[in-house]
Amino acid sequence: MSQVEFAALLGVSRQTVISIESGRYSPSLPLAFRIARVFVMPVEELFDPEEEVPR
């Protein structure tokens, strides 16, 4: 799936997808759940709450 297709499924821009993938942006909780639904995975398997977010 391309970033454009993924962004369309999530209702966000391609730039948002790029920022999440690169770790520059942490998604909101509703967006994290939408991402988890796309991959048919629990949200806690995709996002580690203990992981430090780069600044």
Protein backbone atom coordinates (compact mmCIF):
# COMPACT_ATOMS: atom_id res chain seq x y z
CA MET A 1 0.00 0.00 0.00
CA SER A 2 1.36 3.41 -0.89
CA GLN A 3 1.59 6.31 1.53
CA VAL A 4 -1.06 8.11 -0.51
CA GLU A 5 -3.47 5.14 -0.24
CA PHE A 6 -2.75 4.73 3.47
CA ALA A 7 -3.30 8.44 4.12
CA ALA A 8 -6.61 8.31 2.24
CA LEU A 9 -7.78 5.35 4.35
CA LEU A 10 -6.90 7.26 7.51
CA GLY A 11 -8.27 10.61 6.37
CA VAL A 12 -4.92 12.39 6.81
CA SER A 13 -2.30 13.86 4.49
CA ARG A 14 0.63 11.95 3.06
CA GLN A 15 2.89 14.27 5.07
CA THR A 16 1.23 13.05 8.28
CA VAL A 17 1.94 9.44 7.30
CA ILE A 18 5.57 10.33 6.55
CA SER A 19 5.93 12.08 9.92
CA ILE A 20 4.47 9.11 11.82
CA GLU A 21 6.71 6.65 9.94
CA SER A 22 9.82 8.71 10.67
CA GLY A 23 8.94 9.12 14.35
CA ARG A 24 8.64 12.92 14.15
CA TYR A 25 4.94 12.83 15.01
CA SER A 26 2.96 10.72 17.45
CA PRO A 27 -0.61 10.18 16.27
CA SER A 28 -3.59 11.15 18.36
CA LEU A 29 -5.38 8.30 20.07
CA PRO A 30 -8.26 8.23 17.52
CA LEU A 31 -5.73 8.17 14.65
CA ALA A 32 -3.71 5.43 16.35
CA PHE A 33 -6.87 3.31 16.57
CA ARG A 34 -7.64 3.93 12.87
CA ILE A 35 -4.10 2.82 11.98
CA ALA A 36 -4.51 -0.32 14.10
CA ARG A 37 -7.80 -1.13 12.37
CA VAL A 38 -6.18 -0.84 8.93
CA PHE A 39 -3.53 -3.38 9.96
CA VAL A 40 -6.02 -5.51 11.95
CA MET A 41 -3.76 -5.33 14.99
CA PRO A 42 -4.17 -4.15 18.58
CA VAL A 43 -2.98 -0.57 18.97
CA GLU A 44 -0.49 -1.61 21.67
CA GLU A 45 1.32 -3.82 19.15
CA LEU A 46 1.85 -0.85 16.83
CA PHE A 47 2.71 1.84 19.37
CA ASP A 48 4.84 1.32 22.46
CA PRO A 49 3.76 3.73 25.22
CA GLU A 50 7.18 3.32 26.85
CA GLU A 51 9.10 4.36 23.73
CA GLU A 52 10.63 7.83 23.87
CA VAL A 53 9.48 10.26 21.25
CA PRO A 54 12.39 12.07 19.57
CA ARG A 55 12.31 15.85 19.95
